[in-house]
Amino acid sequence: MKRIPYFPGCAMKDQARDYERAAQAALAALGCELVELPRWNCCGTVYSLANDDLMRHVGPVRNLIRVQDMGEDRVLTLCAMCYGTLRRSARFVAADPERLSRINAFMSDEHDYRGGVEVLHLLGLLRDVVGYENLASKVVRPLTGVRAAPYYGCTLVRPREVGVDNPDQPEVFERVLSALGAEVAEFPYKVECCGAYLTVGAPAIVAGRVRDIVASAAANGADLIVTSCPLCQFNLEARRPGIGPRLPVAYLGQLLAWALGADACLPPEAEALIQGTTPAAAGAQQR
């Protein structure tokens, strides 16, 4: 079994804990054991856009030191925002030895970070480590009949140099869903921002964006929306207007676990849809 260092991030221990449990169960079925980083800390969630704001990189880099101290050179995260922050900070300090030296000086009680830790997202792991064909061969409950809309959001594919796939024409999410037996509902809003943290101070703006995202997915035949970002999931569920189409929202890890026969921890709406749509699920209910 492959042992893979794992950075949970804050949301996986709270509102996205069902995502974490499902993903861990699914990856175990694929022969991957997630080893949680010892003494991890919040990555900061939002990547700093100031070039001289080194202090904002202390949190992300400290987590990379934890990976280094385990004797490993890669770390997996399930959260799209954590992925973006960790990967961009790793790139930021790697680009300038002076930055790295100053970051290490800030953390006098830690081992120096030497660089070279690769940050992986679940989608990248499924593509590059597990492989699409291998994934498809492990499916025991194919999502046949389910039209799933893959919602990337912002930080999975932007900026281009750190994104998990091409931001203009990404395909990794689609290929993973196809490997699970689902039909992919392509929709133009799959890489549009949901409004992110505007949900705190300007929920009406977020509601407008969410309305457009959900309407686009529905117009293109989707039965449900799939995401890997806890903030996107919150906005798509909590900020959707009371009018217009209502599609279930599920995490990637939950569909992955379902298809692999593991405990999926699916939200009720999504589970009811899958139970009523897939031939395998329907047959199991009849038996």
C-alpha atoms as a PDB file:
ATOM      1  CA  MET A   1       0.000   0.000   0.000  1.00  0.00           C
ATOM      2  CA  LYS A   2       1.360   3.422  -0.973  1.00  0.00           C
ATOM      3  CA  ARG A   3       1.845   5.736   2.009  1.00  0.00           C
ATOM      4  CA  ILE A   4       1.115   9.348   1.075  1.00  0.00           C
ATOM      5  CA  PRO A   5       1.622  12.304   3.443  1.00  0.00           C
ATOM      6  CA  TYR A   6      -1.667  14.116   3.835  1.00  0.00           C
ATOM      7  CA  PHE A   7      -2.447  17.720   4.765  1.00  0.00           C
ATOM      8  CA  PRO A   8      -6.105  17.951   5.884  1.00  0.00           C
ATOM      9  CA  GLY A   9      -6.538  21.667   6.379  1.00  0.00           C
ATOM     10  CA  CYS A  10      -9.132  23.120   8.720  1.00  0.00           C
ATOM     11  CA  ALA A  11     -12.364  22.454   6.821  1.00  0.00           C
ATOM     12  CA  MET A  12     -11.774  18.692   6.642  1.00  0.00           C
ATOM     13  CA  LYS A  13     -12.068  18.508  10.409  1.00  0.00           C
ATOM     14  CA  ASP A  14     -15.322  20.455  10.474  1.00  0.00           C
ATOM     15  CA  GLN A  15     -17.869  21.126   7.715  1.00  0.00           C
ATOM     16  CA  ALA A  16     -16.115  18.894   5.157  1.00  0.00           C
ATOM     17  CA  ARG A  17     -15.418  15.938   7.428  1.00  0.00           C
ATOM     18  CA  ASP A  18     -17.679  13.683   5.322  1.00  0.00           C
ATOM     19  CA  TYR A  19     -15.478  14.520   2.319  1.00  0.00           C
ATOM     20  CA  GLU A  20     -12.373  13.518   4.261  1.00  0.00           C
ATOM     21  CA  ARG A  21     -13.820  10.249   5.539  1.00  0.00           C
ATOM     22  CA  ALA A  22     -15.117   9.277   2.108  1.00  0.00           C
ATOM     23  CA  ALA A  23     -11.858  10.147   0.350  1.00  0.00           C
ATOM     24  CA  GLN A  24      -9.781   8.228   2.885  1.00  0.00           C
ATOM     25  CA  ALA A  25     -11.986   5.169   2.456  1.00  0.00           C
ATOM     26  CA  ALA A  26     -11.859   5.454  -1.337  1.00  0.00           C
ATOM     27  CA  LEU A  27      -8.095   5.836  -1.473  1.00  0.00           C
ATOM     28  CA  ALA A  28      -7.649   2.867   0.864  1.00  0.00           C
ATOM     29  CA  ALA A  29      -9.638   0.828  -1.670  1.00  0.00           C
ATOM     30  CA  LEU A  30      -7.137   2.032  -4.289  1.00  0.00           C
ATOM     31  CA  GLY A  31      -4.142   0.968  -2.194  1.00  0.00           C
ATOM     32  CA  CYS A  32      -3.217   4.430  -0.900  1.00  0.00           C
ATOM     33  CA  GLU A  33      -2.827   5.081   2.827  1.00  0.00           C
ATOM     34  CA  LEU A  34      -3.055   8.742   3.821  1.00  0.00           C
ATOM     35  CA  VAL A  35      -0.648   9.606   6.620  1.00  0.00           C
ATOM     36  CA  GLU A  36      -1.720  12.846   8.280  1.00  0.00           C
ATOM     37  CA  LEU A  37       1.050  15.352   8.871  1.00  0.00           C
ATOM     38  CA  PRO A  38       2.006  15.673  12.533  1.00  0.00           C
ATOM     39  CA  ARG A  39       1.412  19.116  14.065  1.00  0.00           C
ATOM     40  CA  TRP A  40       0.026  20.619  10.870  1.00  0.00           C
ATOM     41  CA  ASN A  41      -1.327  24.148  10.979  1.00  0.00           C
ATOM     42  CA  CYS A  42      -3.776  26.181   8.884  1.00  0.00           C
ATOM     43  CA  CYS A  43      -2.230  27.021   5.519  1.00  0.00           C
ATOM     44  CA  GLY A  44      -3.736  30.510   5.631  1.00  0.00           C
ATOM     45  CA  THR A  45      -6.444  29.562   3.115  1.00  0.00           C
ATOM     46  CA  VAL A  46      -6.057  32.687   0.987  1.00  0.00           C
ATOM     47  CA  TYR A  47      -2.769  33.081  -0.850  1.00  0.00           C
ATOM     48  CA  SER A  48      -1.073  36.430  -0.254  1.00  0.00           C
ATOM     49  CA  LEU A  49      -0.801  38.575  -3.384  1.00  0.00           C
ATOM     50  CA  ALA A  50       1.854  40.929  -1.953  1.00  0.00           C
ATOM     51  CA  ASN A  51       5.355  40.121  -3.222  1.00  0.00           C
ATOM     52  CA  ASP A  52       7.030  41.307  -0.023  1.00  0.00           C
ATOM     53  CA  ASP A  53       4.627  39.647   2.431  1.00  0.00           C
ATOM     54  CA  LEU A  54       6.908  36.836   3.550  1.00  0.00           C
ATOM     55  CA  MET A  55       5.161  36.349   6.876  1.00  0.00           C
ATOM     56  CA  ARG A  56       2.062  35.081   5.096  1.00  0.00           C
ATOM     57  CA  HIS A  57       4.149  32.196   3.752  1.00  0.00           C
ATOM     58  CA  VAL A  58       5.352  30.965   7.143  1.00  0.00           C
ATOM     59  CA  GLY A  59       2.213  28.876   7.705  1.00  0.00           C
ATOM     60  CA  PRO A  60       2.280  27.063   4.350  1.00  0.00           C
ATOM     61  CA  VAL A  61       6.035  26.473   4.463  1.00  0.00           C
ATOM     62  CA  ARG A  62       5.861  25.098   8.013  1.00  0.00           C
ATOM     63  CA  ASN A  63       3.553  22.396   6.680  1.00  0.00           C
ATOM     64  CA  LEU A  64       6.045  21.610   3.927  1.00  0.00           C
ATOM     65  CA  ILE A  65       8.706  21.228   6.632  1.00  0.00           C
ATOM     66  CA  ARG A  66       6.475  18.621   8.279  1.00  0.00           C
ATOM     67  CA  VAL A  67       6.529  16.646   5.021  1.00  0.00           C
ATOM     68  CA  GLN A  68      10.295  17.022   4.781  1.00  0.00           C
ATOM     69  CA  ASP A  69      10.719  15.829   8.385  1.00  0.00           C
ATOM     70  CA  MET A  70       8.782  12.673   7.487  1.00  0.00           C
ATOM     71  CA  GLY A  71      11.437  11.950   4.873  1.00  0.00           C
ATOM     72  CA  GLU A  72       8.934  12.488   2.061  1.00  0.00           C
ATOM     73  CA  ASP A  73       8.889  14.752  -0.987  1.00  0.00           C
ATOM     74  CA  ARG A  74       5.169  15.025  -1.753  1.00  0.00           C
ATOM     75  CA  VAL A  75       1.987  15.846   0.108  1.00  0.00           C
ATOM     76  CA  LEU A  76      -1.671  15.388  -0.792  1.00  0.00           C
ATOM     77  CA  THR A  77      -4.527  17.728   0.004  1.00  0.00           C
ATOM     78  CA  LEU A  78      -8.221  17.272  -0.745  1.00  0.00           C
ATOM     79  CA  CYS A  79      -9.186  20.942  -0.545  1.00  0.00           C
ATOM     80  CA  ALA A  80      -8.867  23.062  -3.676  1.00  0.00           C
ATOM     81  CA  MET A  81      -8.041  26.211  -1.690  1.00  0.00           C
ATOM     82  CA  CYS A  82      -5.388  24.476   0.432  1.00  0.00           C
ATOM     83  CA  TYR A  83      -3.923  23.049  -2.758  1.00  0.00           C
ATOM     84  CA  GLY A  84      -3.626  26.491  -4.321  1.00  0.00           C
ATOM     85  CA  THR A  85      -2.107  28.101  -1.229  1.00  0.00           C
ATOM     86  CA  LEU A  86       0.434  25.371  -0.471  1.00  0.00           C
ATOM     87  CA  ARG A  87       1.497  24.908  -4.087  1.00  0.00           C
ATOM     88  CA  ARG A  88       1.881  28.642  -4.726  1.00  0.00           C
ATOM     89  CA  SER A  89       3.875  29.180  -1.524  1.00  0.00           C
ATOM     90  CA  ALA A  90       6.163  26.277  -2.409  1.00  0.00           C
ATOM     91  CA  ARG A  91       6.756  27.858  -5.802  1.00  0.00           C
ATOM     92  CA  PHE A  92       7.201  31.332  -4.291  1.00  0.00           C
ATOM     93  CA  VAL A  93      10.055  30.355  -1.970  1.00  0.00           C
ATOM     94  CA  ALA A  94      11.649  28.037  -4.540  1.00  0.00           C
ATOM     95  CA  ALA A  95      11.985  30.948  -6.978  1.00  0.00           C
ATOM     96  CA  ASP A  96      14.294  32.995  -4.734  1.00  0.00           C
ATOM     97  CA  PRO A  97      16.952  31.604  -2.326  1.00  0.00           C
ATOM     98  CA  GLU A  98      16.879  34.843  -0.334  1.00  0.00           C
ATOM     99  CA  ARG A  99      13.148  34.472   0.308  1.00  0.00           C
ATOM    100  CA  LEU A 100      13.678  30.909   1.460  1.00  0.00           C
ATOM    101  CA  SER A 101      16.527  31.965   3.748  1.00  0.00           C
ATOM    102  CA  ARG A 102      14.410  34.665   5.370  1.00  0.00           C
ATOM    103  CA  ILE A 103      11.448  32.318   5.788  1.00  0.00           C
ATOM    104  CA  ASN A 104      13.711  29.806   7.525  1.00  0.00           C
ATOM    105  CA  ALA A 105      15.080  32.580   9.750  1.00  0.00           C
ATOM    106  CA  PHE A 106      11.533  33.378  10.888  1.00  0.00           C
ATOM    107  CA  MET A 107      11.172  29.789  12.101  1.00  0.00           C
ATOM    108  CA  SER A 108      14.255  29.387  14.284  1.00  0.00           C
ATOM    109  CA  ASP A 109      12.722  26.470  16.186  1.00  0.00           C
ATOM    110  CA  GLU A 110      12.103  24.456  13.006  1.00  0.00           C
ATOM    111  CA  HIS A 111      14.405  22.592  10.654  1.00  0.00           C
ATOM    112  CA  ASP A 112      15.226  24.644   7.581  1.00  0.00           C
ATOM    113  CA  TYR A 113      13.013  23.980   4.606  1.00  0.00           C
ATOM    114  CA  ARG A 114      15.189  22.769   1.756  1.00  0.00           C
ATOM    115  CA  GLY A 115      12.521  22.956  -0.953  1.00  0.00           C
ATOM    116  CA  GLY A 116      11.408  20.308  -3.392  1.00  0.00           C
ATOM    117  CA  VAL A 117       8.153  19.145  -1.792  1.00  0.00           C
ATOM    118  CA  GLU A 118       5.483  18.524  -4.424  1.00  0.00           C
ATOM    119  CA  VAL A 119       1.908  19.471  -3.539  1.00  0.00           C
ATOM    120  CA  LEU A 120      -0.732  17.169  -5.024  1.00  0.00           C
ATOM    121  CA  HIS A 121      -4.483  17.516  -5.219  1.00  0.00           C
ATOM    122  CA  LEU A 122      -6.759  14.466  -5.177  1.00  0.00           C
ATOM    123  CA  LEU A 123      -7.479  14.900  -8.891  1.00  0.00           C
ATOM    124  CA  GLY A 124      -3.767  14.982  -9.706  1.00  0.00           C
ATOM    125  CA  LEU A 125      -3.192  11.869  -7.591  1.00  0.00           C
ATOM    126  CA  LEU A 126      -5.934   9.974  -9.425  1.00  0.00           C
ATOM    127  CA  ARG A 127      -4.506  11.007 -12.787  1.00  0.00           C
ATOM    128  CA  ASP A 128      -0.756  10.698 -12.165  1.00  0.00           C
ATOM    129  CA  VAL A 129      -0.395   8.046  -9.435  1.00  0.00           C
ATOM    130  CA  VAL A 130      -3.485   5.849  -9.639  1.00  0.00           C
ATOM    131  CA  GLY A 131      -4.216   6.276 -13.370  1.00  0.00           C
ATOM    132  CA  TYR A 132      -7.578   6.469 -15.114  1.00  0.00           C
ATOM    133  CA  GLU A 133      -7.592   2.879 -16.368  1.00  0.00           C
ATOM    134  CA  ASN A 134      -6.584   1.475 -12.996  1.00  0.00           C
ATOM    135  CA  LEU A 135      -9.268   3.573 -11.331  1.00  0.00           C
ATOM    136  CA  ALA A 136     -11.930   2.321 -13.735  1.00  0.00           C
ATOM    137  CA  SER A 137     -10.891  -1.281 -13.107  1.00  0.00           C
ATOM    138  CA  LYS A 138     -11.565  -0.891  -9.351  1.00  0.00           C
ATOM    139  CA  VAL A 139     -15.115   0.434  -9.757  1.00  0.00           C
ATOM    140  CA  VAL A 140     -17.735  -1.920  -8.282  1.00  0.00           C
ATOM    141  CA  ARG A 141     -20.750   0.434  -8.309  1.00  0.00           C
ATOM    142  CA  PRO A 142     -20.510   2.384 -11.555  1.00  0.00           C
ATOM    143  CA  LEU A 143     -22.356   5.684 -11.664  1.00  0.00           C
ATOM    144  CA  THR A 144     -24.178   4.640 -14.809  1.00  0.00           C
ATOM    145  CA  GLY A 145     -27.027   6.981 -15.642  1.00  0.00           C
ATOM    146  CA  VAL A 146     -25.774   9.832 -13.438  1.00  0.00           C
ATOM    147  CA  ARG A 147     -24.987  13.053 -15.308  1.00  0.00           C
ATOM    148  CA  ALA A 148     -22.394  14.800 -13.165  1.00  0.00           C
ATOM    149  CA  ALA A 149     -21.230  18.384 -13.677  1.00  0.00           C
ATOM    150  CA  PRO A 150     -17.589  18.824 -12.589  1.00  0.00           C
ATOM    151  CA  TYR A 151     -17.177  22.204 -10.900  1.00  0.00           C
ATOM    152  CA  TYR A 152     -13.505  23.218 -10.694  1.00  0.00           C
ATOM    153  CA  GLY A 153     -13.982  26.747  -9.373  1.00  0.00           C
ATOM    154  CA  CYS A 154     -10.949  29.038  -9.243  1.00  0.00           C
ATOM    155  CA  THR A 155      -7.964  27.697  -7.344  1.00  0.00           C
ATOM    156  CA  LEU A 156      -7.764  24.232  -8.874  1.00  0.00           C
ATOM    157  CA  VAL A 157      -6.820  25.594 -12.283  1.00  0.00           C
ATOM    158  CA  ARG A 158      -5.543  29.132 -11.610  1.00  0.00           C
ATOM    159  CA  PRO A 159      -2.989  30.520 -11.912  1.00  0.00           C
ATOM    160  CA  ARG A 160      -1.933  28.473 -14.913  1.00  0.00           C
ATOM    161  CA  GLU A 161       1.539  27.643 -13.602  1.00  0.00           C
ATOM    162  CA  VAL A 162       0.227  25.870 -10.493  1.00  0.00           C
ATOM    163  CA  GLY A 163      -3.205  24.627 -11.596  1.00  0.00           C
ATOM    164  CA  VAL A 164      -3.990  20.937 -11.670  1.00  0.00           C
ATOM    165  CA  ASP A 165      -4.900  21.200 -15.367  1.00  0.00           C
ATOM    166  CA  ASN A 166      -5.211  23.612 -18.286  1.00  0.00           C
ATOM    167  CA  PRO A 167      -7.458  26.456 -17.025  1.00  0.00           C
ATOM    168  CA  ASP A 168      -9.011  26.976 -20.454  1.00  0.00           C
ATOM    169  CA  GLN A 169      -9.784  23.348 -21.295  1.00  0.00           C
ATOM    170  CA  PRO A 170      -9.376  21.185 -18.182  1.00  0.00           C
ATOM    171  CA  GLU A 171     -10.189  17.513 -18.494  1.00  0.00           C
ATOM    172  CA  VAL A 172      -8.905  15.742 -15.383  1.00  0.00           C
ATOM    173  CA  PHE A 173     -12.165  16.065 -13.434  1.00  0.00           C
ATOM    174  CA  GLU A 174     -14.160  14.888 -16.430  1.00  0.00           C
ATOM    175  CA  ARG A 175     -11.927  11.866 -17.000  1.00  0.00           C
ATOM    176  CA  VAL A 176     -12.131  10.832 -13.355  1.00  0.00           C
ATOM    177  CA  LEU A 177     -15.933  11.018 -13.411  1.00  0.00           C
ATOM    178  CA  SER A 178     -15.976   9.029 -16.651  1.00  0.00           C
ATOM    179  CA  ALA A 179     -13.754   6.377 -15.059  1.00  0.00           C
ATOM    180  CA  LEU A 180     -16.355   6.076 -12.290  1.00  0.00           C
ATOM    181  CA  GLY A 181     -19.013   5.358 -14.913  1.00  0.00           C
ATOM    182  CA  ALA A 182     -20.800   8.711 -14.771  1.00  0.00           C
ATOM    183  CA  GLU A 183     -21.862  10.747 -17.770  1.00  0.00           C
ATOM    184  CA  VAL A 184     -20.142  14.127 -17.780  1.00  0.00           C
ATOM    185  CA  ALA A 185     -22.318  17.211 -18.142  1.00  0.00           C
ATOM    186  CA  GLU A 186     -20.066  19.814 -19.722  1.00  0.00           C
ATOM    187  CA  PHE A 187     -21.026  23.370 -18.811  1.00  0.00           C
ATOM    188  CA  PRO A 188     -19.279  26.708 -19.448  1.00  0.00           C
ATOM    189  CA  TYR A 189     -19.406  27.879 -15.815  1.00  0.00           C
ATOM    190  CA  LYS A 190     -17.292  25.016 -14.493  1.00  0.00           C
ATOM    191  CA  VAL A 191     -14.237  27.256 -13.990  1.00  0.00           C
ATOM    192  CA  GLU A 192     -16.109  30.395 -12.915  1.00  0.00           C
ATOM    193  CA  CYS A 193     -15.677  31.734  -9.381  1.00  0.00           C
ATOM    194  CA  CYS A 194     -18.584  31.123  -6.992  1.00  0.00           C
ATOM    195  CA  GLY A 195     -17.814  34.343  -5.141  1.00  0.00           C
ATOM    196  CA  ALA A 196     -15.628  32.716  -2.494  1.00  0.00           C
ATOM    197  CA  TYR A 197     -15.291  34.857   0.651  1.00  0.00           C
ATOM    198  CA  LEU A 198     -17.690  37.474  -0.607  1.00  0.00           C
ATOM    199  CA  THR A 199     -20.193  35.133   1.023  1.00  0.00           C
ATOM    200  CA  VAL A 200     -19.333  36.833   4.339  1.00  0.00           C
ATOM    201  CA  GLY A 201     -19.814  40.476   3.390  1.00  0.00           C
ATOM    202  CA  ALA A 202     -21.750  40.384   0.134  1.00  0.00           C
ATOM    203  CA  PRO A 203     -23.935  37.258   0.055  1.00  0.00           C
ATOM    204  CA  ALA A 204     -26.198  38.765  -2.618  1.00  0.00           C
ATOM    205  CA  ILE A 205     -23.287  38.839  -5.072  1.00  0.00           C
ATOM    206  CA  VAL A 206     -22.490  35.216  -4.284  1.00  0.00           C
ATOM    207  CA  ALA A 207     -26.150  34.258  -4.722  1.00  0.00           C
ATOM    208  CA  GLY A 208     -26.096  35.752  -8.205  1.00  0.00           C
ATOM    209  CA  ARG A 209     -22.991  33.848  -9.183  1.00  0.00           C
ATOM    210  CA  VAL A 210     -24.289  30.617  -7.704  1.00  0.00           C
ATOM    211  CA  ARG A 211     -27.585  31.043  -9.572  1.00  0.00           C
ATOM    212  CA  ASP A 212     -25.681  31.331 -12.861  1.00  0.00           C
ATOM    213  CA  ILE A 213     -23.453  28.331 -12.102  1.00  0.00           C
ATOM    214  CA  VAL A 214     -26.318  26.048 -11.125  1.00  0.00           C
ATOM    215  CA  ALA A 215     -28.496  27.230 -14.017  1.00  0.00           C
ATOM    216  CA  SER A 216     -25.665  26.549 -16.472  1.00  0.00           C
ATOM    217  CA  ALA A 217     -25.142  23.034 -15.122  1.00  0.00           C
ATOM    218  CA  ALA A 218     -28.882  22.302 -15.236  1.00  0.00           C
ATOM    219  CA  ALA A 219     -29.234  23.689 -18.753  1.00  0.00           C
ATOM    220  CA  ASN A 220     -26.549  21.260 -19.884  1.00  0.00           C
ATOM    221  CA  GLY A 221     -28.352  18.242 -18.460  1.00  0.00           C
ATOM    222  CA  ALA A 222     -26.630  17.796 -15.093  1.00  0.00           C
ATOM    223  CA  ASP A 223     -28.230  15.713 -12.340  1.00  0.00           C
ATOM    224  CA  LEU A 224     -25.782  16.912  -9.711  1.00  0.00           C
ATOM    225  CA  ILE A 225     -22.726  19.127  -9.262  1.00  0.00           C
ATOM    226  CA  VAL A 226     -19.416  17.733  -8.023  1.00  0.00           C
ATOM    227  CA  THR A 227     -16.772  19.887  -6.313  1.00  0.00           C
ATOM    228  CA  SER A 228     -13.624  19.500  -4.239  1.00  0.00           C
ATOM    229  CA  CYS A 229     -13.720  22.861  -2.451  1.00  0.00           C
ATOM    230  CA  PRO A 230     -15.489  23.233   0.934  1.00  0.00           C
ATOM    231  CA  LEU A 231     -16.112  26.935   0.316  1.00  0.00           C
ATOM    232  CA  CYS A 232     -17.575  26.251  -3.133  1.00  0.00           C
ATOM    233  CA  GLN A 233     -19.729  23.520  -1.618  1.00  0.00           C
ATOM    234  CA  PHE A 234     -20.997  25.910   1.054  1.00  0.00           C
ATOM    235  CA  ASN A 235     -21.822  28.627  -1.448  1.00  0.00           C
ATOM    236  CA  LEU A 236     -23.506  26.258  -3.886  1.00  0.00           C
ATOM    237  CA  GLU A 237     -25.673  24.889  -1.078  1.00  0.00           C
ATOM    238  CA  ALA A 238     -26.254  27.799   1.304  1.00  0.00           C
ATOM    239  CA  ARG A 239     -26.231  30.764  -1.083  1.00  0.00           C
ATOM    240  CA  ARG A 240     -28.342  29.408  -3.908  1.00  0.00           C
ATOM    241  CA  PRO A 241     -31.477  31.486  -4.481  1.00  0.00           C
ATOM    242  CA  GLY A 242     -34.887  30.057  -3.710  1.00  0.00           C
ATOM    243  CA  ILE A 243     -35.835  30.179  -7.382  1.00  0.00           C
ATOM    244  CA  GLY A 244     -34.419  28.292 -10.326  1.00  0.00           C
ATOM    245  CA  PRO A 245     -33.075  24.728 -10.565  1.00  0.00           C
ATOM    246  CA  ARG A 246     -31.928  22.921  -7.444  1.00  0.00           C
ATOM    247  CA  LEU A 247     -29.226  20.339  -8.062  1.00  0.00           C
ATOM    248  CA  PRO A 248     -27.628  18.168  -5.370  1.00  0.00           C
ATOM    249  CA  VAL A 249     -23.996  19.014  -4.601  1.00  0.00           C
ATOM    250  CA  ALA A 250     -21.490  16.301  -3.675  1.00  0.00           C
ATOM    251  CA  TYR A 251     -17.765  16.160  -3.074  1.00  0.00           C
ATOM    252  CA  LEU A 252     -15.473  14.323  -5.469  1.00  0.00           C
ATOM    253  CA  GLY A 253     -14.361  12.007  -2.653  1.00  0.00           C
ATOM    254  CA  GLN A 254     -17.942  10.990  -1.955  1.00  0.00           C
ATOM    255  CA  LEU A 255     -18.638   9.884  -5.530  1.00  0.00           C
ATOM    256  CA  LEU A 256     -15.257   8.172  -5.602  1.00  0.00           C
ATOM    257  CA  ALA A 257     -16.064   6.213  -2.449  1.00  0.00           C
ATOM    258  CA  TRP A 258     -19.523   5.252  -3.714  1.00  0.00           C
ATOM    259  CA  ALA A 259     -18.191   3.896  -6.992  1.00  0.00           C
ATOM    260  CA  LEU A 260     -15.439   1.941  -5.238  1.00  0.00           C
ATOM    261  CA  GLY A 261     -17.868   0.343  -2.799  1.00  0.00           C
ATOM    262  CA  ALA A 262     -16.627   2.258   0.243  1.00  0.00           C
ATOM    263  CA  ASP A 263     -18.532   4.329   2.791  1.00  0.00           C
ATOM    264  CA  ALA A 264     -19.457   7.377   0.728  1.00  0.00           C
ATOM    265  CA  CYS A 265     -21.015   9.647   3.419  1.00  0.00           C
ATOM    266  CA  LEU A 266     -23.146  11.171   0.649  1.00  0.00           C
ATOM    267  CA  PRO A 267     -25.531  14.046   1.380  1.00  0.00           C
ATOM    268  CA  PRO A 268     -29.160  12.819   1.337  1.00  0.00           C
ATOM    269  CA  GLU A 269     -30.144  14.556  -1.916  1.00  0.00           C
ATOM    270  CA  ALA A 270     -27.169  13.140  -3.801  1.00  0.00           C
ATOM    271  CA  GLU A 271     -27.603   9.675  -2.334  1.00  0.00           C
ATOM    272  CA  ALA A 272     -31.288   9.599  -3.267  1.00  0.00           C
ATOM    273  CA  LEU A 273     -30.418  10.631  -6.807  1.00  0.00           C
ATOM    274  CA  ILE A 274     -27.723   7.983  -7.201  1.00  0.00           C
ATOM    275  CA  GLN A 275     -29.845   5.281  -5.568  1.00  0.00           C
ATOM    276  CA  GLY A 276     -32.664   6.051  -7.952  1.00  0.00           C
ATOM    277  CA  THR A 277     -30.553   6.480 -11.093  1.00  0.00           C
ATOM    278  CA  THR A 278     -27.816   3.869 -11.257  1.00  0.00           C
ATOM    279  CA  PRO A 279     -28.909   0.395 -12.381  1.00  0.00           C
ATOM    280  CA  ALA A 280     -26.630  -1.277  -9.822  1.00  0.00           C
ATOM    281  CA  ALA A 281     -28.154   0.706  -6.962  1.00  0.00           C
ATOM    282  CA  ALA A 282     -31.682   0.133  -8.194  1.00  0.00           C
ATOM    283  CA  GLY A 283     -31.064  -3.579  -8.486  1.00  0.00           C
ATOM    284  CA  ALA A 284     -29.649  -3.731  -4.977  1.00  0.00           C
ATOM    285  CA  GLN A 285     -32.766  -1.978  -3.647  1.00  0.00           C
ATOM    286  CA  GLN A 286     -35.050  -4.505  -5.393  1.00  0.00           C
ATOM    287  CA  ARG A 287     -33.104  -7.402  -3.905  1.00  0.00           C
END
